[in-house]
Amino acid sequence: MTDLNNLRSRVAASAHSLPAQMFHIAGHLHRHGVISGIGKALLKEVVFQQDVRGPKLVDTLFSSSDEHWLKFVHRLLDVETLKLFDSLYLDYPLEQGKAISRQEREDNGMLTQKSLVYGEVDYLAFLATLRKIPIEPHWTFTDLGSGTGRAVFIARLNFDFSRCTGIEILRGLHDAAADVCSNYNEFVRPVVSTTSTPLEASFFHCSLLDLDWSHTDVCFANSTCFDSALIAAMAEKASAMRPGSYFITFTKPLPADIAPFDIVDKERRNMSWGPATVYIHQRR
């Protein structure tokens, strides 16, 4: 936990200016790794919007314990990032994604291909999973089978990944994700941009087996419906990832006889279709 006494001294010295106080808070917490670059930008946005939570944040810095105050900061930022996320998906609620997926699979005679069955992550559950990984600012995130891009934007809005990428084989879902990404670039990215990271997000229309994603630091696959052949092929490609990188799967772990990964965390969490076992693997 960062030492807040030094921060309190600097904030007290700027008592004449709420913006200066908030900028001190945002800069200090970001420098010490307490909040992300996006969190820093959102705290500054509280000032620009003349949000009443700004003065409260300053006041409670002096009246609360360090632990209580930091929880208040994180709750504020969690609320704001969830608002941004929800704004991106106003046109693509969960049911819309399901309909797009089913229609395309039906049109192309692929309803029996279980690996293409649609399912989305739960925002809070997936965020909690990502927070178990010690993510570094220069790292990258890749979602294999990204649907409408929800996991990509949970990662994008909450962490300082240098790039977040989604790979989706169904054209309709890819187009929806690309539309969401366009809205992100036009309306959200200017709000959360920092000088330290580009905050990029991108989507590719192809099979997860056709693209080289071995460079990624945190890889995710909603593998609940993946068949054994696809799991094996994915695990073989994952073997090219660097030692120390992470791979998240649902329901089915990476085969130990194919991929040199250790399971470092295993937990049941609720997703859009019901409970799923979430595996966090780390490359040996």
Protein backbone atom coordinates (compact mmCIF):
# COMPACT_ATOMS: atom_id res chain seq x y z
CA MET A 1 0.00 0.00 0.00
CA THR A 2 1.31 3.45 -0.91
CA ASP A 3 2.20 5.95 1.82
CA LEU A 4 -0.62 8.48 1.80
CA ASN A 5 0.92 10.87 4.34
CA ASN A 6 3.09 12.50 1.69
CA LEU A 7 0.05 12.81 -0.56
CA ARG A 8 -1.96 14.39 2.26
CA SER A 9 0.76 17.01 2.75
CA ARG A 10 0.77 17.97 -0.92
CA VAL A 11 -3.02 18.01 -1.16
CA ALA A 12 -3.24 20.19 1.96
CA ALA A 13 -0.73 22.62 0.45
CA SER A 14 -3.06 23.02 -2.55
CA ALA A 15 -6.18 23.72 -0.51
CA HIS A 16 -6.94 26.78 -2.64
CA SER A 17 -7.50 24.66 -5.76
CA LEU A 18 -9.65 21.53 -6.05
CA PRO A 19 -8.28 20.73 -9.55
CA ALA A 20 -4.71 20.88 -8.21
CA GLN A 21 -5.67 18.61 -5.32
CA MET A 22 -7.30 16.07 -7.62
CA PHE A 23 -4.34 16.13 -10.01
CA HIS A 24 -2.01 15.46 -7.06
CA ILE A 25 -4.19 12.50 -6.06
CA ALA A 26 -4.44 11.08 -9.58
CA GLY A 27 -0.73 11.45 -10.28
CA HIS A 28 0.39 10.00 -6.94
CA LEU A 29 -1.86 6.93 -7.12
CA HIS A 30 -0.83 6.22 -10.70
CA ARG A 31 2.90 6.62 -10.03
CA HIS A 32 2.68 4.14 -7.19
CA GLY A 33 0.72 1.59 -9.23
CA VAL A 34 -2.47 1.93 -7.20
CA ILE A 35 -4.60 2.91 -10.21
CA SER A 36 -4.21 2.47 -13.95
CA GLY A 37 -3.57 5.21 -16.48
CA ILE A 38 -7.26 5.10 -17.32
CA GLY A 39 -8.06 5.47 -13.63
CA LYS A 40 -5.83 8.54 -13.55
CA ALA A 41 -7.69 10.03 -16.52
CA LEU A 42 -11.08 9.28 -14.93
CA LEU A 43 -10.11 11.03 -11.69
CA LYS A 44 -9.16 14.09 -13.72
CA GLU A 45 -12.48 13.80 -15.55
CA VAL A 46 -14.23 14.08 -12.17
CA VAL A 47 -12.72 17.58 -11.95
CA PHE A 48 -13.65 18.58 -15.50
CA GLN A 49 -17.25 17.44 -14.97
CA GLN A 50 -17.42 19.24 -11.59
CA ASP A 51 -18.55 15.96 -10.05
CA VAL A 52 -19.54 16.26 -6.38
CA ARG A 53 -17.48 13.16 -5.64
CA GLY A 54 -14.32 15.21 -6.22
CA PRO A 55 -14.61 17.29 -3.04
CA LYS A 56 -15.72 14.18 -1.15
CA LEU A 57 -12.63 12.32 -2.33
CA VAL A 58 -10.41 15.12 -1.03
CA ASP A 59 -12.27 15.45 2.29
CA THR A 60 -12.21 11.72 3.04
CA LEU A 61 -8.47 11.59 2.33
CA PHE A 62 -8.03 13.46 5.63
CA SER A 63 -10.88 11.88 7.60
CA SER A 64 -10.55 8.18 6.68
CA SER A 65 -7.99 5.44 7.16
CA ASP A 66 -5.72 4.64 4.22
CA GLU A 67 -7.51 1.36 3.57
CA HIS A 68 -11.00 2.87 3.67
CA TRP A 69 -10.03 5.79 1.44
CA LEU A 70 -8.38 3.57 -1.18
CA LYS A 71 -11.50 1.39 -1.27
CA PHE A 72 -13.53 4.55 -1.92
CA VAL A 73 -11.21 5.47 -4.81
CA HIS A 74 -11.48 2.01 -6.36
CA ARG A 75 -15.27 1.94 -6.00
CA LEU A 76 -15.50 5.31 -7.73
CA LEU A 77 -13.32 4.13 -10.61
CA ASP A 78 -15.15 0.80 -10.90
CA VAL A 79 -18.44 2.67 -11.27
CA GLU A 80 -17.02 4.97 -13.94
CA THR A 81 -15.40 2.21 -16.00
CA LEU A 82 -18.60 0.16 -15.89
CA LYS A 83 -20.51 3.22 -17.15
CA LEU A 84 -18.09 3.53 -20.07
CA PHE A 85 -18.40 -0.18 -20.82
CA ASP A 86 -22.21 -0.09 -20.75
CA SER A 87 -22.22 2.95 -23.04
CA LEU A 88 -20.26 0.96 -25.63
CA TYR A 89 -22.82 -1.84 -25.65
CA LEU A 90 -26.08 0.10 -25.82
CA ASP A 91 -26.62 -1.17 -29.37
CA TYR A 92 -25.34 -4.68 -28.69
CA PRO A 93 -26.92 -6.14 -25.55
CA LEU A 94 -26.31 -9.79 -24.77
CA GLU A 95 -29.45 -10.99 -26.56
CA GLN A 96 -28.41 -9.16 -29.73
CA GLY A 97 -25.08 -10.99 -29.74
CA LYS A 98 -26.85 -14.32 -29.31
CA ALA A 99 -29.20 -13.51 -32.20
CA ILE A 100 -26.34 -12.48 -34.51
CA SER A 101 -24.45 -15.68 -33.74
CA ARG A 102 -27.42 -18.01 -34.20
CA GLN A 103 -28.54 -16.36 -37.45
CA GLU A 104 -25.10 -16.64 -39.04
CA ARG A 105 -24.61 -20.23 -37.91
CA GLU A 106 -28.07 -21.10 -39.21
CA ASP A 107 -27.49 -19.38 -42.56
CA ASN A 108 -24.22 -21.24 -43.04
CA GLY A 109 -25.33 -24.66 -41.80
CA MET A 110 -23.11 -24.46 -38.71
CA LEU A 111 -25.67 -24.94 -35.93
CA THR A 112 -24.17 -28.32 -35.05
CA GLN A 113 -20.67 -26.89 -34.59
CA LYS A 114 -20.63 -26.63 -30.81
CA SER A 115 -17.33 -24.72 -30.78
CA LEU A 116 -19.19 -21.74 -32.27
CA VAL A 117 -21.93 -21.59 -29.63
CA TYR A 118 -22.22 -18.02 -28.32
CA GLY A 119 -21.54 -17.09 -24.71
CA GLU A 120 -20.26 -13.89 -23.11
CA VAL A 121 -18.27 -13.17 -19.98
CA ASP A 122 -19.85 -11.52 -16.97
CA TYR A 123 -18.27 -8.10 -16.47
CA LEU A 124 -17.56 -8.31 -12.74
CA ALA A 125 -16.59 -11.99 -12.80
CA PHE A 126 -14.08 -11.54 -15.60
CA LEU A 127 -12.70 -8.36 -14.06
CA ALA A 128 -12.11 -10.25 -10.80
CA THR A 129 -10.27 -12.95 -12.76
CA LEU A 130 -8.01 -10.45 -14.52
CA ARG A 131 -7.20 -8.77 -11.21
CA LYS A 132 -5.62 -12.01 -10.01
CA ILE A 133 -2.89 -11.57 -12.64
CA PRO A 134 0.00 -9.12 -11.94
CA ILE A 135 -0.49 -7.23 -15.21
CA GLU A 136 2.33 -4.93 -16.35
CA PRO A 137 1.66 -1.72 -18.37
CA HIS A 138 3.50 -2.92 -21.50
CA TRP A 139 1.65 -6.25 -21.69
CA THR A 140 -0.87 -7.27 -24.34
CA PHE A 141 -4.24 -9.04 -24.10
CA THR A 142 -5.81 -11.33 -26.70
CA ASP A 143 -9.29 -12.91 -26.72
CA LEU A 144 -9.60 -16.03 -28.88
CA GLY A 145 -13.23 -16.14 -30.01
CA SER A 146 -14.04 -12.60 -28.95
CA GLY A 147 -17.71 -12.38 -29.96
CA THR A 148 -18.86 -8.78 -29.73
CA GLY A 149 -15.67 -7.85 -27.87
CA ARG A 150 -16.86 -7.68 -24.28
CA ALA A 151 -13.80 -9.35 -22.72
CA VAL A 152 -11.53 -7.15 -24.83
CA PHE A 153 -13.12 -3.97 -23.50
CA ILE A 154 -13.21 -5.19 -19.91
CA ALA A 155 -9.45 -5.58 -20.25
CA ARG A 156 -9.05 -2.31 -22.16
CA LEU A 157 -10.96 -0.11 -19.71
CA ASN A 158 -9.52 -1.51 -16.50
CA PHE A 159 -5.83 -2.16 -17.17
CA ASP A 160 -2.86 -0.52 -18.86
CA PHE A 161 -2.40 -3.13 -21.57
CA SER A 162 -0.51 -1.63 -24.50
CA ARG A 163 -2.88 -3.42 -26.87
CA CYS A 164 -6.07 -5.47 -26.53
CA THR A 165 -7.02 -7.73 -29.43
CA GLY A 166 -10.01 -9.88 -30.31
CA ILE A 167 -10.14 -12.72 -32.84
CA GLU A 168 -13.55 -13.92 -34.06
CA ILE A 169 -14.45 -16.33 -36.86
CA LEU A 170 -18.14 -15.34 -37.27
CA ARG A 171 -18.46 -12.29 -39.52
CA GLY A 172 -21.57 -10.90 -37.82
CA LEU A 173 -20.01 -10.93 -34.36
CA HIS A 174 -16.76 -9.48 -35.70
CA ASP A 175 -18.67 -6.65 -37.40
CA ALA A 176 -20.49 -5.90 -34.14
CA ALA A 177 -17.17 -5.78 -32.26
CA ALA A 178 -15.70 -3.52 -34.94
CA ASP A 179 -18.68 -1.18 -34.57
CA VAL A 180 -18.20 -1.08 -30.80
CA CYS A 181 -14.49 -0.41 -31.35
CA SER A 182 -15.33 2.50 -33.65
CA ASN A 183 -17.48 4.02 -30.90
CA TYR A 184 -14.68 3.43 -28.39
CA ASN A 185 -12.17 5.26 -30.59
CA GLU A 186 -14.52 8.17 -31.24
CA PHE A 187 -16.21 8.71 -27.88
CA VAL A 188 -14.41 6.84 -25.09
CA ARG A 189 -10.74 6.80 -26.01
CA PRO A 190 -10.43 10.64 -25.96
CA VAL A 191 -11.75 10.62 -22.37
CA VAL A 192 -9.38 7.96 -21.05
CA SER A 193 -6.30 8.59 -23.17
CA THR A 194 -2.97 9.11 -21.43
CA THR A 195 0.45 9.95 -22.77
CA SER A 196 2.00 6.76 -21.39
CA THR A 197 -0.02 4.12 -23.26
CA PRO A 198 -1.88 4.24 -26.59
CA LEU A 199 -4.94 2.34 -25.24
CA GLU A 200 -5.37 0.49 -28.52
CA ALA A 201 -8.06 -2.09 -29.26
CA SER A 202 -8.34 -4.08 -32.48
CA PHE A 203 -10.34 -6.98 -33.91
CA PHE A 204 -9.57 -9.59 -36.55
CA HIS A 205 -12.02 -11.70 -38.53
CA CYS A 206 -10.42 -15.14 -38.75
CA SER A 207 -10.00 -18.44 -36.96
CA LEU A 208 -7.95 -18.38 -33.78
CA LEU A 209 -5.74 -20.96 -35.50
CA ASP A 210 -4.95 -18.67 -38.45
CA LEU A 211 -3.33 -15.77 -36.59
CA ASP A 212 -0.06 -15.66 -34.66
CA TRP A 213 -0.88 -14.57 -31.11
CA SER A 214 2.19 -16.09 -29.46
CA HIS A 215 3.41 -12.59 -28.50
CA THR A 216 0.49 -11.98 -26.15
CA ASP A 217 1.06 -11.76 -22.41
CA VAL A 218 -2.48 -12.56 -21.25
CA CYS A 219 -4.54 -14.78 -23.53
CA PHE A 220 -8.18 -15.72 -22.99
CA ALA A 221 -10.44 -18.33 -24.57
CA ASN A 222 -14.05 -18.92 -23.61
CA SER A 223 -13.46 -22.61 -24.22
CA THR A 224 -16.59 -24.04 -22.58
CA CYS A 225 -17.95 -25.32 -25.90
CA PHE A 226 -14.62 -25.95 -27.68
CA ASP A 227 -14.23 -29.54 -28.86
CA SER A 228 -11.14 -31.57 -27.97
CA ALA A 229 -9.52 -31.05 -31.38
CA LEU A 230 -9.78 -27.26 -31.15
CA ILE A 231 -8.55 -27.26 -27.55
CA ALA A 232 -5.53 -29.35 -28.57
CA ALA A 233 -4.71 -27.13 -31.57
CA MET A 234 -5.06 -24.00 -29.44
CA ALA A 235 -2.84 -25.48 -26.73
CA GLU A 236 -0.17 -26.31 -29.29
CA LYS A 237 -0.12 -22.69 -30.50
CA ALA A 238 -0.09 -21.47 -26.89
CA SER A 239 3.16 -23.37 -26.35
CA ALA A 240 4.92 -20.62 -28.31
CA MET A 241 3.99 -17.98 -25.72
CA ARG A 242 6.80 -16.61 -23.57
CA PRO A 243 7.60 -18.09 -20.14
CA GLY A 244 5.66 -16.24 -17.46
CA SER A 245 2.72 -15.35 -19.72
CA TYR A 246 -0.85 -16.24 -18.74
CA PHE A 247 -3.69 -18.13 -20.41
CA ILE A 248 -7.28 -18.07 -19.12
CA THR A 249 -9.77 -20.76 -20.13
CA PHE A 250 -13.33 -21.61 -19.09
CA THR A 251 -14.52 -25.10 -18.10
CA LYS A 252 -11.67 -26.92 -19.85
CA PRO A 253 -8.00 -26.42 -18.91
CA LEU A 254 -5.18 -26.54 -21.44
CA PRO A 255 -4.06 -30.17 -21.91
CA ALA A 256 -0.99 -30.66 -19.73
CA ASP A 257 0.57 -33.09 -22.20
CA ILE A 258 0.52 -30.46 -24.97
CA ALA A 259 0.96 -27.03 -23.40
CA PRO A 260 3.75 -26.31 -20.86
CA PHE A 261 1.50 -24.37 -18.48
CA ASP A 262 0.79 -24.65 -14.76
CA ILE A 263 -2.69 -23.97 -13.37
CA VAL A 264 -2.13 -21.18 -10.83
CA ASP A 265 -5.78 -20.47 -10.03
CA LYS A 266 -9.09 -22.30 -10.41
CA GLU A 267 -12.48 -20.89 -9.40
CA ARG A 268 -16.17 -21.18 -10.24
CA ARG A 269 -17.76 -17.98 -11.52
CA ASN A 270 -21.11 -17.07 -13.06
CA MET A 271 -21.18 -16.16 -16.75
CA SER A 272 -23.95 -15.32 -19.22
CA TRP A 273 -24.88 -19.00 -19.64
CA GLY A 274 -24.42 -20.04 -16.00
CA PRO A 275 -21.54 -21.08 -13.74
CA ALA A 276 -18.17 -21.96 -15.29
CA THR A 277 -14.84 -23.07 -13.87
CA VAL A 278 -12.23 -20.42 -14.66
CA TYR A 279 -8.66 -21.63 -15.06
CA ILE A 280 -5.68 -19.29 -14.96
CA HIS A 281 -2.57 -20.94 -16.42
CA GLN A 282 0.98 -19.62 -16.40
CA ARG A 283 3.57 -20.59 -18.99
CA ARG A 284 6.57 -22.43 -17.57
